[in-house]
Amino acid sequence: MLAKKHRLNLSLAIDNNGFDFQKSQRLLTKNLIVYYQHNNLSLLRVAALAPSRLFPEATKRNCCRRLIYNLIREKAKELDENIAKNIFEESVDVVLVYKKKDFSPADLKKDLDVVFSKILY
């Protein structure tokens, strides 16, 4: 699980004019729709959304969100070791929305590699 300061609370962000879906940039991958925009903070904030139309059970939605958060944390550790770049110091808000119900963690990991390579570099 990501640290709380790196999780984006969308209800608060939208209310405080922090994140705007219309003004954000969009990126499509095989399993995810990614919205991102730069923020005024010096840290990466991530929100993972699992729509209830895809996952009617709350336990499955929570499991899917936790999977995304864990994969991001693993990716950050991997980048720290290889490139000595901390992705958590980037000034970006990222919202990841599931597109499909059927996915594998390996596919999600590939999608996140694509997302971070396009957003952060």
PDB file of N, CA and C in Angstrom:
ATOM      1  N   MET A   1       0.842  -1.178   0.000  1.00  0.00           N
ATOM      2  CA  MET A   1       0.000   0.000   0.000  1.00  0.00           C
ATOM      3  C   MET A   1       0.887   1.242   0.000  1.00  0.00           C
ATOM      4  N   LEU A   2       0.469   2.215  -0.732  1.00  0.00           N
ATOM      5  CA  LEU A   2       1.207   3.477  -0.774  1.00  0.00           C
ATOM      6  C   LEU A   2       0.995   4.270   0.506  1.00  0.00           C
ATOM      7  N   ALA A   3       1.949   5.108   0.812  1.00  0.00           N
ATOM      8  CA  ALA A   3       1.794   6.001   1.958  1.00  0.00           C
ATOM      9  C   ALA A   3       0.638   6.961   1.684  1.00  0.00           C
ATOM     10  N   LYS A   4      -0.006   7.416   2.731  1.00  0.00           N
ATOM     11  CA  LYS A   4      -1.184   8.263   2.584  1.00  0.00           C
ATOM     12  C   LYS A   4      -0.891   9.547   1.809  1.00  0.00           C
ATOM     13  N   LYS A   5       0.281  10.109   1.982  1.00  0.00           N
ATOM     14  CA  LYS A   5       0.598  11.357   1.283  1.00  0.00           C
ATOM     15  C   LYS A   5       0.716  11.159  -0.224  1.00  0.00           C
ATOM     16  N   HIS A   6       0.866   9.911  -0.678  1.00  0.00           N
ATOM     17  CA  HIS A   6       0.972   9.620  -2.105  1.00  0.00           C
ATOM     18  C   HIS A   6      -0.338   9.118  -2.710  1.00  0.00           C
ATOM     19  N   ARG A   7      -1.393   9.030  -1.890  1.00  0.00           N
ATOM     20  CA  ARG A   7      -2.697   8.639  -2.406  1.00  0.00           C
ATOM     21  C   ARG A   7      -3.536   9.894  -2.610  1.00  0.00           C
ATOM     22  N   LEU A   8      -4.124   9.997  -3.765  1.00  0.00           N
ATOM     23  CA  LEU A   8      -4.938  11.156  -4.124  1.00  0.00           C
ATOM     24  C   LEU A   8      -6.384  10.875  -3.739  1.00  0.00           C
ATOM     25  N   ASN A   9      -6.937  11.700  -2.861  1.00  0.00           N
ATOM     26  CA  ASN A   9      -8.341  11.592  -2.476  1.00  0.00           C
ATOM     27  C   ASN A   9      -9.145  12.415  -3.477  1.00  0.00           C
ATOM     28  N   LEU A  10      -9.798  11.742  -4.400  1.00  0.00           N
ATOM     29  CA  LEU A  10     -10.464  12.447  -5.494  1.00  0.00           C
ATOM     30  C   LEU A  10     -11.610  13.330  -5.025  1.00  0.00           C
ATOM     31  N   SER A  11     -12.348  12.899  -4.011  1.00  0.00           N
ATOM     32  CA  SER A  11     -13.469  13.727  -3.570  1.00  0.00           C
ATOM     33  C   SER A  11     -12.976  15.062  -3.021  1.00  0.00           C
ATOM     34  N   LEU A  12     -11.882  15.058  -2.290  1.00  0.00           N
ATOM     35  CA  LEU A  12     -11.317  16.318  -1.791  1.00  0.00           C
ATOM     36  C   LEU A  12     -10.649  17.105  -2.907  1.00  0.00           C
ATOM     37  N   ALA A  13      -9.969  16.424  -3.807  1.00  0.00           N
ATOM     38  CA  ALA A  13      -9.252  17.106  -4.887  1.00  0.00           C
ATOM     39  C   ALA A  13     -10.215  17.805  -5.842  1.00  0.00           C
ATOM     40  N   ILE A  14     -11.335  17.158  -6.156  1.00  0.00           N
ATOM     41  CA  ILE A  14     -12.300  17.767  -7.066  1.00  0.00           C
ATOM     42  C   ILE A  14     -13.000  18.941  -6.393  1.00  0.00           C
ATOM     43  N   ASP A  15     -13.332  18.803  -5.115  1.00  0.00           N
ATOM     44  CA  ASP A  15     -13.992  19.887  -4.383  1.00  0.00           C
ATOM     45  C   ASP A  15     -13.109  21.118  -4.252  1.00  0.00           C
ATOM     46  N   ASN A  16     -11.805  20.913  -4.100  1.00  0.00           N
ATOM     47  CA  ASN A  16     -10.881  22.027  -3.888  1.00  0.00           C
ATOM     48  C   ASN A  16     -10.211  22.482  -5.182  1.00  0.00           C
ATOM     49  N   ASN A  17     -10.800  22.146  -6.317  1.00  0.00           N
ATOM     50  CA  ASN A  17     -10.258  22.508  -7.631  1.00  0.00           C
ATOM     51  C   ASN A  17      -8.834  21.998  -7.826  1.00  0.00           C
ATOM     52  N   GLY A  18      -8.534  20.858  -7.252  1.00  0.00           N
ATOM     53  CA  GLY A  18      -7.192  20.311  -7.372  1.00  0.00           C
ATOM     54  C   GLY A  18      -7.001  19.434  -8.598  1.00  0.00           C
ATOM     55  N   PHE A  19      -8.013  18.639  -8.953  1.00  0.00           N
ATOM     56  CA  PHE A  19      -7.890  17.750 -10.105  1.00  0.00           C
ATOM     57  C   PHE A  19      -9.104  17.951 -10.995  1.00  0.00           C
ATOM     58  N   ASP A  20      -8.861  18.200 -12.266  1.00  0.00           N
ATOM     59  CA  ASP A  20      -9.932  18.440 -13.215  1.00  0.00           C
ATOM     60  C   ASP A  20      -9.770  17.466 -14.374  1.00  0.00           C
ATOM     61  N   PHE A  21     -10.748  16.564 -14.545  1.00  0.00           N
ATOM     62  CA  PHE A  21     -10.650  15.558 -15.594  1.00  0.00           C
ATOM     63  C   PHE A  21     -10.639  16.185 -16.985  1.00  0.00           C
ATOM     64  N   GLN A  22     -11.337  17.307 -17.169  1.00  0.00           N
ATOM     65  CA  GLN A  22     -11.362  17.939 -18.484  1.00  0.00           C
ATOM     66  C   GLN A  22     -10.015  18.545 -18.852  1.00  0.00           C
ATOM     67  N   LYS A  23      -9.292  19.063 -17.873  1.00  0.00           N
ATOM     68  CA  LYS A  23      -8.008  19.714 -18.146  1.00  0.00           C
ATOM     69  C   LYS A  23      -6.830  18.754 -18.108  1.00  0.00           C
ATOM     70  N   SER A  24      -7.058  17.558 -17.617  1.00  0.00           N
ATOM     71  CA  SER A  24      -5.950  16.610 -17.502  1.00  0.00           C
ATOM     72  C   SER A  24      -5.679  15.929 -18.836  1.00  0.00           C
ATOM     73  N   GLN A  25      -4.478  15.390 -18.953  1.00  0.00           N
ATOM     74  CA  GLN A  25      -4.109  14.638 -20.144  1.00  0.00           C
ATOM     75  C   GLN A  25      -4.530  13.186 -19.953  1.00  0.00           C
ATOM     76  N   ARG A  26      -4.836  12.506 -21.058  1.00  0.00           N
ATOM     77  CA  ARG A  26      -5.340  11.144 -20.976  1.00  0.00           C
ATOM     78  C   ARG A  26      -4.432  10.202 -21.759  1.00  0.00           C
ATOM     79  N   LEU A  27      -4.277   9.029 -21.206  1.00  0.00           N
ATOM     80  CA  LEU A  27      -3.452   7.993 -21.818  1.00  0.00           C
ATOM     81  C   LEU A  27      -4.210   6.677 -21.709  1.00  0.00           C
ATOM     82  N   LEU A  28      -4.275   5.919 -22.786  1.00  0.00           N
ATOM     83  CA  LEU A  28      -4.983   4.643 -22.795  1.00  0.00           C
ATOM     84  C   LEU A  28      -3.991   3.495 -22.919  1.00  0.00           C
ATOM     85  N   THR A  29      -4.177   2.491 -22.086  1.00  0.00           N
ATOM     86  CA  THR A  29      -3.392   1.263 -22.186  1.00  0.00           C
ATOM     87  C   THR A  29      -4.371   0.101 -22.361  1.00  0.00           C
ATOM     88  N   LYS A  30      -3.855  -1.101 -22.359  1.00  0.00           N
ATOM     89  CA  LYS A  30      -4.698  -2.271 -22.575  1.00  0.00           C
ATOM     90  C   LYS A  30      -5.750  -2.432 -21.476  1.00  0.00           C
ATOM     91  N   ASN A  31      -5.376  -2.188 -20.238  1.00  0.00           N
ATOM     92  CA  ASN A  31      -6.276  -2.430 -19.106  1.00  0.00           C
ATOM     93  C   ASN A  31      -6.686  -1.175 -18.351  1.00  0.00           C
ATOM     94  N   LEU A  32      -6.058  -0.045 -18.647  1.00  0.00           N
ATOM     95  CA  LEU A  32      -6.281   1.149 -17.839  1.00  0.00           C
ATOM     96  C   LEU A  32      -6.546   2.379 -18.693  1.00  0.00           C
ATOM     97  N   ILE A  33      -7.327   3.288 -18.124  1.00  0.00           N
ATOM     98  CA  ILE A  33      -7.429   4.653 -18.635  1.00  0.00           C
ATOM     99  C   ILE A  33      -6.702   5.508 -17.602  1.00  0.00           C
ATOM    100  N   VAL A  34      -5.763   6.314 -18.054  1.00  0.00           N
ATOM    101  CA  VAL A  34      -4.926   7.087 -17.138  1.00  0.00           C
ATOM    102  C   VAL A  34      -5.146   8.577 -17.399  1.00  0.00           C
ATOM    103  N   TYR A  35      -5.508   9.297 -16.346  1.00  0.00           N
ATOM    104  CA  TYR A  35      -5.607  10.750 -16.397  1.00  0.00           C
ATOM    105  C   TYR A  35      -4.472  11.299 -15.544  1.00  0.00           C
ATOM    106  N   TYR A  36      -3.760  12.296 -16.040  1.00  0.00           N
ATOM    107  CA  TYR A  36      -2.688  12.864 -15.241  1.00  0.00           C
ATOM    108  C   TYR A  36      -2.542  14.353 -15.520  1.00  0.00           C
ATOM    109  N   GLN A  37      -2.097  15.048 -14.496  1.00  0.00           N
ATOM    110  CA  GLN A  37      -1.795  16.471 -14.612  1.00  0.00           C
ATOM    111  C   GLN A  37      -0.767  16.833 -13.557  1.00  0.00           C
ATOM    112  N   HIS A  38      -0.024  17.867 -13.828  1.00  0.00           N
ATOM    113  CA  HIS A  38       1.002  18.309 -12.892  1.00  0.00           C
ATOM    114  C   HIS A  38       0.364  19.071 -11.744  1.00  0.00           C
ATOM    115  N   ASN A  39       0.962  18.925 -10.570  1.00  0.00           N
ATOM    116  CA  ASN A  39       0.450  19.625  -9.390  1.00  0.00           C
ATOM    117  C   ASN A  39       1.502  20.591  -8.866  1.00  0.00           C
ATOM    118  N   ASN A  40       1.153  21.377  -7.873  1.00  0.00           N
ATOM    119  CA  ASN A  40       2.075  22.357  -7.298  1.00  0.00           C
ATOM    120  C   ASN A  40       2.896  21.775  -6.157  1.00  0.00           C
ATOM    121  N   LEU A  41       2.679  20.537  -5.845  1.00  0.00           N
ATOM    122  CA  LEU A  41       3.426  19.872  -4.776  1.00  0.00           C
ATOM    123  C   LEU A  41       4.645  19.191  -5.372  1.00  0.00           C
ATOM    124  N   SER A  42       5.552  18.799  -4.548  1.00  0.00           N
ATOM    125  CA  SER A  42       6.735  18.097  -5.051  1.00  0.00           C
ATOM    126  C   SER A  42       6.629  16.603  -4.762  1.00  0.00           C
ATOM    127  N   LEU A  43       5.443  16.055  -5.000  1.00  0.00           N
ATOM    128  CA  LEU A  43       5.274  14.629  -4.793  1.00  0.00           C
ATOM    129  C   LEU A  43       4.224  14.066  -5.738  1.00  0.00           C
ATOM    130  N   LEU A  44       4.361  12.781  -6.004  1.00  0.00           N
ATOM    131  CA  LEU A  44       3.439  12.040  -6.847  1.00  0.00           C
ATOM    132  C   LEU A  44       2.241  11.626  -6.006  1.00  0.00           C
ATOM    133  N   ARG A  45       1.042  11.862  -6.535  1.00  0.00           N
ATOM    134  CA  ARG A  45      -0.171  11.391  -5.869  1.00  0.00           C
ATOM    135  C   ARG A  45      -0.943  10.535  -6.859  1.00  0.00           C
ATOM    136  N   VAL A  46      -1.426   9.381  -6.385  1.00  0.00           N
ATOM    137  CA  VAL A  46      -2.077   8.406  -7.252  1.00  0.00           C
ATOM    138  C   VAL A  46      -3.433   8.030  -6.688  1.00  0.00           C
ATOM    139  N   ALA A  47      -4.427   7.933  -7.581  1.00  0.00           N
ATOM    140  CA  ALA A  47      -5.733   7.387  -7.229  1.00  0.00           C
ATOM    141  C   ALA A  47      -6.014   6.232  -8.175  1.00  0.00           C
ATOM    142  N   ALA A  48      -6.490   5.134  -7.630  1.00  0.00           N
ATOM    143  CA  ALA A  48      -6.863   3.973  -8.437  1.00  0.00           C
ATOM    144  C   ALA A  48      -8.373   3.783  -8.307  1.00  0.00           C
ATOM    145  N   LEU A  49      -9.061   3.766  -9.446  1.00  0.00           N
ATOM    146  CA  LEU A  49     -10.509   3.620  -9.451  1.00  0.00           C
ATOM    147  C   LEU A  49     -10.897   2.302 -10.096  1.00  0.00           C
ATOM    148  N   ALA A  50     -11.715   1.556  -9.389  1.00  0.00           N
ATOM    149  CA  ALA A  50     -12.281   0.316  -9.916  1.00  0.00           C
ATOM    150  C   ALA A  50     -13.793   0.526  -9.971  1.00  0.00           C
ATOM    151  N   PRO A  51     -14.344   0.790 -11.154  1.00  0.00           N
ATOM    152  CA  PRO A  51     -15.764   1.121 -11.262  1.00  0.00           C
ATOM    153  C   PRO A  51     -16.672  -0.016 -10.786  1.00  0.00           C
ATOM    154  N   SER A  52     -17.764   0.365 -10.161  1.00  0.00           N
ATOM    155  CA  SER A  52     -18.695  -0.641  -9.639  1.00  0.00           C
ATOM    156  C   SER A  52     -19.436  -1.363 -10.761  1.00  0.00           C
ATOM    157  N   ARG A  53     -19.480  -0.788 -11.957  1.00  0.00           N
ATOM    158  CA  ARG A  53     -20.111  -1.509 -13.068  1.00  0.00           C
ATOM    159  C   ARG A  53     -19.244  -2.682 -13.522  1.00  0.00           C
ATOM    160  N   LEU A  54     -17.922  -2.591 -13.301  1.00  0.00           N
ATOM    161  CA  LEU A  54     -17.039  -3.717 -13.613  1.00  0.00           C
ATOM    162  C   LEU A  54     -16.908  -4.677 -12.442  1.00  0.00           C
ATOM    163  N   PHE A  55     -16.840  -4.129 -11.243  1.00  0.00           N
ATOM    164  CA  PHE A  55     -16.632  -4.929 -10.042  1.00  0.00           C
ATOM    165  C   PHE A  55     -17.750  -4.620  -9.048  1.00  0.00           C
ATOM    166  N   PRO A  56     -18.868  -5.364  -9.110  1.00  0.00           N
ATOM    167  CA  PRO A  56     -20.010  -5.036  -8.247  1.00  0.00           C
ATOM    168  C   PRO A  56     -19.745  -5.235  -6.755  1.00  0.00           C
ATOM    169  N   GLU A  57     -18.812  -6.098  -6.404  1.00  0.00           N
ATOM    170  CA  GLU A  57     -18.522  -6.351  -4.993  1.00  0.00           C
ATOM    171  C   GLU A  57     -17.431  -5.412  -4.496  1.00  0.00           C
ATOM    172  N   ALA A  58     -17.659  -4.805  -3.352  1.00  0.00           N
ATOM    173  CA  ALA A  58     -16.704  -3.847  -2.793  1.00  0.00           C
ATOM    174  C   ALA A  58     -15.368  -4.507  -2.474  1.00  0.00           C
ATOM    175  N   THR A  59     -15.395  -5.758  -2.059  1.00  0.00           N
ATOM    176  CA  THR A  59     -14.137  -6.434  -1.734  1.00  0.00           C
ATOM    177  C   THR A  59     -13.259  -6.585  -2.972  1.00  0.00           C
ATOM    178  N   LYS A  60     -13.868  -6.855  -4.104  1.00  0.00           N
ATOM    179  CA  LYS A  60     -13.104  -6.987  -5.351  1.00  0.00           C
ATOM    180  C   LYS A  60     -12.549  -5.630  -5.783  1.00  0.00           C
ATOM    181  N   ARG A  61     -13.356  -4.555  -5.630  1.00  0.00           N
ATOM    182  CA  ARG A  61     -12.875  -3.211  -5.963  1.00  0.00           C
ATOM    183  C   ARG A  61     -11.678  -2.841  -5.096  1.00  0.00           C
ATOM    184  N   ASN A  62     -11.760  -3.111  -3.806  1.00  0.00           N
ATOM    185  CA  ASN A  62     -10.655  -2.801  -2.896  1.00  0.00           C
ATOM    186  C   ASN A  62      -9.414  -3.616  -3.239  1.00  0.00           C
ATOM    187  N   CYS A  63      -9.600  -4.865  -3.591  1.00  0.00           N
ATOM    188  CA  CYS A  63      -8.479  -5.729  -3.966  1.00  0.00           C
ATOM    189  C   CYS A  63      -7.785  -5.190  -5.217  1.00  0.00           C
ATOM    190  N   CYS A  64      -8.566  -4.734  -6.183  1.00  0.00           N
ATOM    191  CA  CYS A  64      -8.003  -4.185  -7.422  1.00  0.00           C
ATOM    192  C   CYS A  64      -7.234  -2.894  -7.155  1.00  0.00           C
ATOM    193  N   ARG A  65      -7.766  -2.041  -6.307  1.00  0.00           N
ATOM    194  CA  ARG A  65      -7.055  -0.798  -5.978  1.00  0.00           C
ATOM    195  C   ARG A  65      -5.754  -1.095  -5.243  1.00  0.00           C
ATOM    196  N   ARG A  66      -5.790  -2.012  -4.303  1.00  0.00           N
ATOM    197  CA  ARG A  66      -4.576  -2.368  -3.562  1.00  0.00           C
ATOM    198  C   ARG A  66      -3.520  -2.973  -4.474  1.00  0.00           C
ATOM    199  N   LEU A  67      -3.963  -3.732  -5.458  1.00  0.00           N
ATOM    200  CA  LEU A  67      -3.028  -4.307  -6.423  1.00  0.00           C
ATOM    201  C   LEU A  67      -2.286  -3.203  -7.170  1.00  0.00           C
ATOM    202  N   ILE A  68      -3.006  -2.197  -7.618  1.00  0.00           N
ATOM    203  CA  ILE A  68      -2.371  -1.058  -8.315  1.00  0.00           C
ATOM    204  C   ILE A  68      -1.379  -0.368  -7.384  1.00  0.00           C
ATOM    205  N   TYR A  69      -1.788  -0.082  -6.165  1.00  0.00           N
ATOM    206  CA  TYR A  69      -0.899   0.607  -5.223  1.00  0.00           C
ATOM    207  C   TYR A  69       0.367  -0.205  -4.952  1.00  0.00           C
ATOM    208  N   ASN A  70       0.223  -1.522  -4.801  1.00  0.00           N
ATOM    209  CA  ASN A  70       1.393  -2.368  -4.562  1.00  0.00           C
ATOM    210  C   ASN A  70       2.317  -2.420  -5.772  1.00  0.00           C
ATOM    211  N   LEU A  71       1.748  -2.484  -6.968  1.00  0.00           N
ATOM    212  CA  LEU A  71       2.576  -2.494  -8.166  1.00  0.00           C
ATOM    213  C   LEU A  71       3.338  -1.180  -8.327  1.00  0.00           C
ATOM    214  N   ILE A  72       2.713  -0.069  -7.969  1.00  0.00           N
ATOM    215  CA  ILE A  72       3.403   1.223  -8.039  1.00  0.00           C
ATOM    216  C   ILE A  72       4.542   1.272  -7.028  1.00  0.00           C
ATOM    217  N   ARG A  73       4.301   0.767  -5.840  1.00  0.00           N
ATOM    218  CA  ARG A  73       5.352   0.750  -4.823  1.00  0.00           C
ATOM    219  C   ARG A  73       6.530  -0.121  -5.263  1.00  0.00           C
ATOM    220  N   GLU A  74       6.230  -1.277  -5.859  1.00  0.00           N
ATOM    221  CA  GLU A  74       7.294  -2.147  -6.378  1.00  0.00           C
ATOM    222  C   GLU A  74       8.060  -1.466  -7.509  1.00  0.00           C
ATOM    223  N   LYS A  75       7.350  -0.776  -8.380  1.00  0.00           N
ATOM    224  CA  LYS A  75       7.986  -0.055  -9.486  1.00  0.00           C
ATOM    225  C   LYS A  75       8.917   1.024  -8.948  1.00  0.00           C
ATOM    226  N   ALA A  76       8.494   1.712  -7.901  1.00  0.00           N
ATOM    227  CA  ALA A  76       9.331   2.758  -7.303  1.00  0.00           C
ATOM    228  C   ALA A  76      10.611   2.161  -6.722  1.00  0.00           C
ATOM    229  N   LYS A  77      10.497   1.027  -6.060  1.00  0.00           N
ATOM    230  CA  LYS A  77      11.692   0.367  -5.514  1.00  0.00           C
ATOM    231  C   LYS A  77      12.632  -0.072  -6.630  1.00  0.00           C
ATOM    232  N   GLU A  78      12.048  -0.603  -7.697  1.00  0.00           N
ATOM    233  CA  GLU A  78      12.846  -1.051  -8.839  1.00  0.00           C
ATOM    234  C   GLU A  78      13.581   0.124  -9.487  1.00  0.00           C
ATOM    235  N   LEU A  79      12.904   1.245  -9.650  1.00  0.00           N
ATOM    236  CA  LEU A  79      13.547   2.421 -10.246  1.00  0.00           C
ATOM    237  C   LEU A  79      14.614   2.993  -9.328  1.00  0.00           C
ATOM    238  N   ASP A  80      14.368   2.985  -8.021  1.00  0.00           N
ATOM    239  CA  ASP A  80      15.364   3.489  -7.073  1.00  0.00           C
ATOM    240  C   ASP A  80      16.664   2.712  -7.178  1.00  0.00           C
ATOM    241  N   GLU A  81      16.544   1.395  -7.338  1.00  0.00           N
ATOM    242  CA  GLU A  81      17.748   0.565  -7.402  1.00  0.00           C
ATOM    243  C   GLU A  81      18.477   0.725  -8.729  1.00  0.00           C
ATOM    244  N   ASN A  82      17.730   0.833  -9.819  1.00  0.00           N
ATOM    245  CA  ASN A  82      18.349   0.842 -11.143  1.00  0.00           C
ATOM    246  C   ASN A  82      18.788   2.224 -11.602  1.00  0.00           C
ATOM    247  N   ILE A  83      17.952   3.214 -11.434  1.00  0.00           N
ATOM    248  CA  ILE A  83      18.212   4.528 -12.027  1.00  0.00           C
ATOM    249  C   ILE A  83      18.545   5.591 -10.983  1.00  0.00           C
ATOM    250  N   ALA A  84      18.322   5.285  -9.746  1.00  0.00           N
ATOM    251  CA  ALA A  84      18.515   6.249  -8.651  1.00  0.00           C
ATOM    252  C   ALA A  84      17.593   7.452  -8.841  1.00  0.00           C
ATOM    253  N   LYS A  85      16.386   7.192  -9.318  1.00  0.00           N
ATOM    254  CA  LYS A  85      15.384   8.248  -9.487  1.00  0.00           C
ATOM    255  C   LYS A  85      14.180   7.863  -8.645  1.00  0.00           C
ATOM    256  N   ASN A  86      13.742   8.769  -7.824  1.00  0.00           N
ATOM    257  CA  ASN A  86      12.601   8.512  -6.971  1.00  0.00           C
ATOM    258  C   ASN A  86      11.347   9.062  -7.648  1.00  0.00           C
ATOM    259  N   ILE A  87      10.442   8.171  -8.072  1.00  0.00           N
ATOM    260  CA  ILE A  87       9.246   8.633  -8.772  1.00  0.00           C
ATOM    261  C   ILE A  87       8.295   9.358  -7.837  1.00  0.00           C
ATOM    262  N   PHE A  88       8.441   9.140  -6.536  1.00  0.00           N
ATOM    263  CA  PHE A  88       7.547   9.803  -5.591  1.00  0.00           C
ATOM    264  C   PHE A  88       7.872  11.283  -5.424  1.00  0.00           C
ATOM    265  N   GLU A  89       8.970  11.751  -5.999  1.00  0.00           N
ATOM    266  CA  GLU A  89       9.318  13.167  -5.924  1.00  0.00           C
ATOM    267  C   GLU A  89       8.857  13.939  -7.157  1.00  0.00           C
ATOM    268  N   GLU A  90       8.144  13.284  -8.068  1.00  0.00           N
ATOM    269  CA  GLU A  90       7.604  13.953  -9.252  1.00  0.00           C
ATOM    270  C   GLU A  90       6.346  14.727  -8.870  1.00  0.00           C
ATOM    271  N   SER A  91       6.102  15.844  -9.528  1.00  0.00           N
ATOM    272  CA  SER A  91       4.943  16.698  -9.230  1.00  0.00           C
ATOM    273  C   SER A  91       3.788  16.367 -10.171  1.00  0.00           C
ATOM    274  N   VAL A  92       3.196  15.201  -9.972  1.00  0.00           N
ATOM    275  CA  VAL A  92       2.137  14.744 -10.862  1.00  0.00           C
ATOM    276  C   VAL A  92       1.018  14.086 -10.049  1.00  0.00           C
ATOM    277  N   ASP A  93      -0.224  14.370 -10.448  1.00  0.00           N
ATOM    278  CA  ASP A  93      -1.386  13.641  -9.937  1.00  0.00           C
ATOM    279  C   ASP A  93      -1.800  12.655 -11.020  1.00  0.00           C
ATOM    280  N   VAL A  94      -1.987  11.401 -10.643  1.00  0.00           N
ATOM    281  CA  VAL A  94      -2.328  10.356 -11.608  1.00  0.00           C
ATOM    282  C   VAL A  94      -3.585   9.642 -11.122  1.00  0.00           C
ATOM    283  N   VAL A  95      -4.552   9.488 -12.025  1.00  0.00           N
ATOM    284  CA  VAL A  95      -5.761   8.717 -11.740  1.00  0.00           C
ATOM    285  C   VAL A  95      -5.790   7.540 -12.702  1.00  0.00           C
ATOM    286  N   LEU A  96      -5.798   6.338 -12.147  1.00  0.00           N
ATOM    287  CA  LEU A  96      -5.817   5.109 -12.939  1.00  0.00           C
ATOM    288  C   LEU A  96      -7.198   4.477 -12.822  1.00  0.00           C
ATOM    289  N   VAL A  97      -7.863   4.279 -13.963  1.00  0.00           N
ATOM    290  CA  VAL A  97      -9.214   3.720 -13.981  1.00  0.00           C
ATOM    291  C   VAL A  97      -9.171   2.401 -14.753  1.00  0.00           C
ATOM    292  N   TYR A  98      -9.724   1.360 -14.140  1.00  0.00           N
ATOM    293  CA  TYR A  98      -9.778   0.066 -14.821  1.00  0.00           C
ATOM    294  C   TYR A  98     -10.727   0.140 -16.004  1.00  0.00           C
ATOM    295  N   LYS A  99     -10.307  -0.459 -17.136  1.00  0.00           N
ATOM    296  CA  LYS A  99     -11.138  -0.535 -18.336  1.00  0.00           C
ATOM    297  C   LYS A  99     -11.834  -1.884 -18.463  1.00  0.00           C
ATOM    298  N   LYS A 100     -11.146  -2.924 -18.046  1.00  0.00           N
ATOM    299  CA  LYS A 100     -11.642  -4.279 -18.254  1.00  0.00           C
ATOM    300  C   LYS A 100     -11.706  -5.034 -16.937  1.00  0.00           C
ATOM    301  N   LYS A 101     -12.611  -5.993 -16.918  1.00  0.00           N
ATOM    302  CA  LYS A 101     -12.757  -6.820 -15.723  1.00  0.00           C
ATOM    303  C   LYS A 101     -11.707  -7.925 -15.667  1.00  0.00           C
ATOM    304  N   ASP A 102     -11.353  -8.440 -16.826  1.00  0.00           N
ATOM    305  CA  ASP A 102     -10.393  -9.539 -16.899  1.00  0.00           C
ATOM    306  C   ASP A 102      -8.997  -8.983 -17.142  1.00  0.00           C
ATOM    307  N   PHE A 103      -8.111  -9.213 -16.193  1.00  0.00           N
ATOM    308  CA  PHE A 103      -6.738  -8.721 -16.305  1.00  0.00           C
ATOM    309  C   PHE A 103      -5.843  -9.637 -15.492  1.00  0.00           C
ATOM    310  N   SER A 104      -4.567  -9.539 -15.740  1.00  0.00           N
ATOM    311  CA  SER A 104      -3.601 -10.268 -14.922  1.00  0.00           C
ATOM    312  C   SER A 104      -2.643  -9.246 -14.311  1.00  0.00           C
ATOM    313  N   PRO A 105      -2.096  -9.537 -13.153  1.00  0.00           N
ATOM    314  CA  PRO A 105      -1.138  -8.602 -12.553  1.00  0.00           C
ATOM    315  C   PRO A 105       0.063  -8.325 -13.452  1.00  0.00           C
ATOM    316  N   ALA A 106       0.470  -9.301 -14.252  1.00  0.00           N
ATOM    317  CA  ALA A 106       1.592  -9.080 -15.172  1.00  0.00           C
ATOM    318  C   ALA A 106       1.225  -8.051 -16.239  1.00  0.00           C
ATOM    319  N   ASP A 107      -0.019  -8.110 -16.733  1.00  0.00           N
ATOM    320  CA  ASP A 107      -0.473  -7.113 -17.707  1.00  0.00           C
ATOM    321  C   ASP A 107      -0.526  -5.724 -17.086  1.00  0.00           C
ATOM    322  N   LEU A 108      -1.008  -5.657 -15.853  1.00  0.00           N
ATOM    323  CA  LEU A 108      -1.064  -4.356 -15.174  1.00  0.00           C
ATOM    324  C   LEU A 108       0.331  -3.787 -14.959  1.00  0.00           C
ATOM    325  N   LYS A 109       1.277  -4.650 -14.631  1.00  0.00           N
ATOM    326  CA  LYS A 109       2.648  -4.190 -14.436  1.00  0.00           C
ATOM    327  C   LYS A 109       3.219  -3.622 -15.729  1.00  0.00           C
ATOM    328  N   LYS A 110       2.944  -4.281 -16.859  1.00  0.00           N
ATOM    329  CA  LYS A 110       3.387  -3.763 -18.157  1.00  0.00           C
ATOM    330  C   LYS A 110       2.728  -2.420 -18.460  1.00  0.00           C
ATOM    331  N   ASP A 111       1.433  -2.320 -18.166  1.00  0.00           N
ATOM    332  CA  ASP A 111       0.721  -1.061 -18.386  1.00  0.00           C
ATOM    333  C   ASP A 111       1.306   0.062 -17.541  1.00  0.00           C
ATOM    334  N   LEU A 112       1.639  -0.233 -16.299  1.00  0.00           N
ATOM    335  CA  LEU A 112       2.224   0.798 -15.429  1.00  0.00           C
ATOM    336  C   LEU A 112       3.610   1.198 -15.906  1.00  0.00           C
ATOM    337  N   ASP A 113       4.366   0.250 -16.454  1.00  0.00           N
ATOM    338  CA  ASP A 113       5.668   0.599 -17.034  1.00  0.00           C
ATOM    339  C   ASP A 113       5.499   1.606 -18.168  1.00  0.00           C
ATOM    340  N   VAL A 114       4.513   1.357 -19.023  1.00  0.00           N
ATOM    341  CA  VAL A 114       4.240   2.277 -20.131  1.00  0.00           C
ATOM    342  C   VAL A 114       3.804   3.635 -19.611  1.00  0.00           C
ATOM    343  N   VAL A 115       2.912   3.620 -18.629  1.00  0.00           N
ATOM    344  CA  VAL A 115       2.386   4.877 -18.076  1.00  0.00           C
ATOM    345  C   VAL A 115       3.504   5.712 -17.483  1.00  0.00           C
ATOM    346  N   PHE A 116       4.320   5.130 -16.646  1.00  0.00           N
ATOM    347  CA  PHE A 116       5.372   5.913 -15.994  1.00  0.00           C
ATOM    348  C   PHE A 116       6.465   6.319 -16.964  1.00  0.00           C
ATOM    349  N   SER A 117       6.703   5.531 -17.987  1.00  0.00           N
ATOM    350  CA  SER A 117       7.708   5.949 -18.964  1.00  0.00           C
ATOM    351  C   SER A 117       7.218   7.160 -19.757  1.00  0.00           C
ATOM    352  N   LYS A 118       5.915   7.257 -20.024  1.00  0.00           N
ATOM    353  CA  LYS A 118       5.382   8.387 -20.775  1.00  0.00           C
ATOM    354  C   LYS A 118       5.157   9.620 -19.903  1.00  0.00           C
ATOM    355  N   ILE A 119       4.741   9.410 -18.676  1.00  0.00           N
ATOM    356  CA  ILE A 119       4.420  10.552 -17.807  1.00  0.00           C
ATOM    357  C   ILE A 119       5.677  11.168 -17.201  1.00  0.00           C
ATOM    358  N   LEU A 120       6.594  10.362 -16.733  1.00  0.00           N
ATOM    359  CA  LEU A 120       7.694  10.870 -15.929  1.00  0.00           C
ATOM    360  C   LEU A 120       8.954  11.159 -16.718  1.00  0.00           C
ATOM    361  N   TYR A 121       9.081  10.683 -17.924  1.00  0.00           N
ATOM    362  CA  TYR A 121      10.339  10.873 -18.645  1.00  0.00           C
ATOM    363  C   TYR A 121      10.145  11.657 -19.898  1.00  0.00           C
TER     364      TYR A 121
END
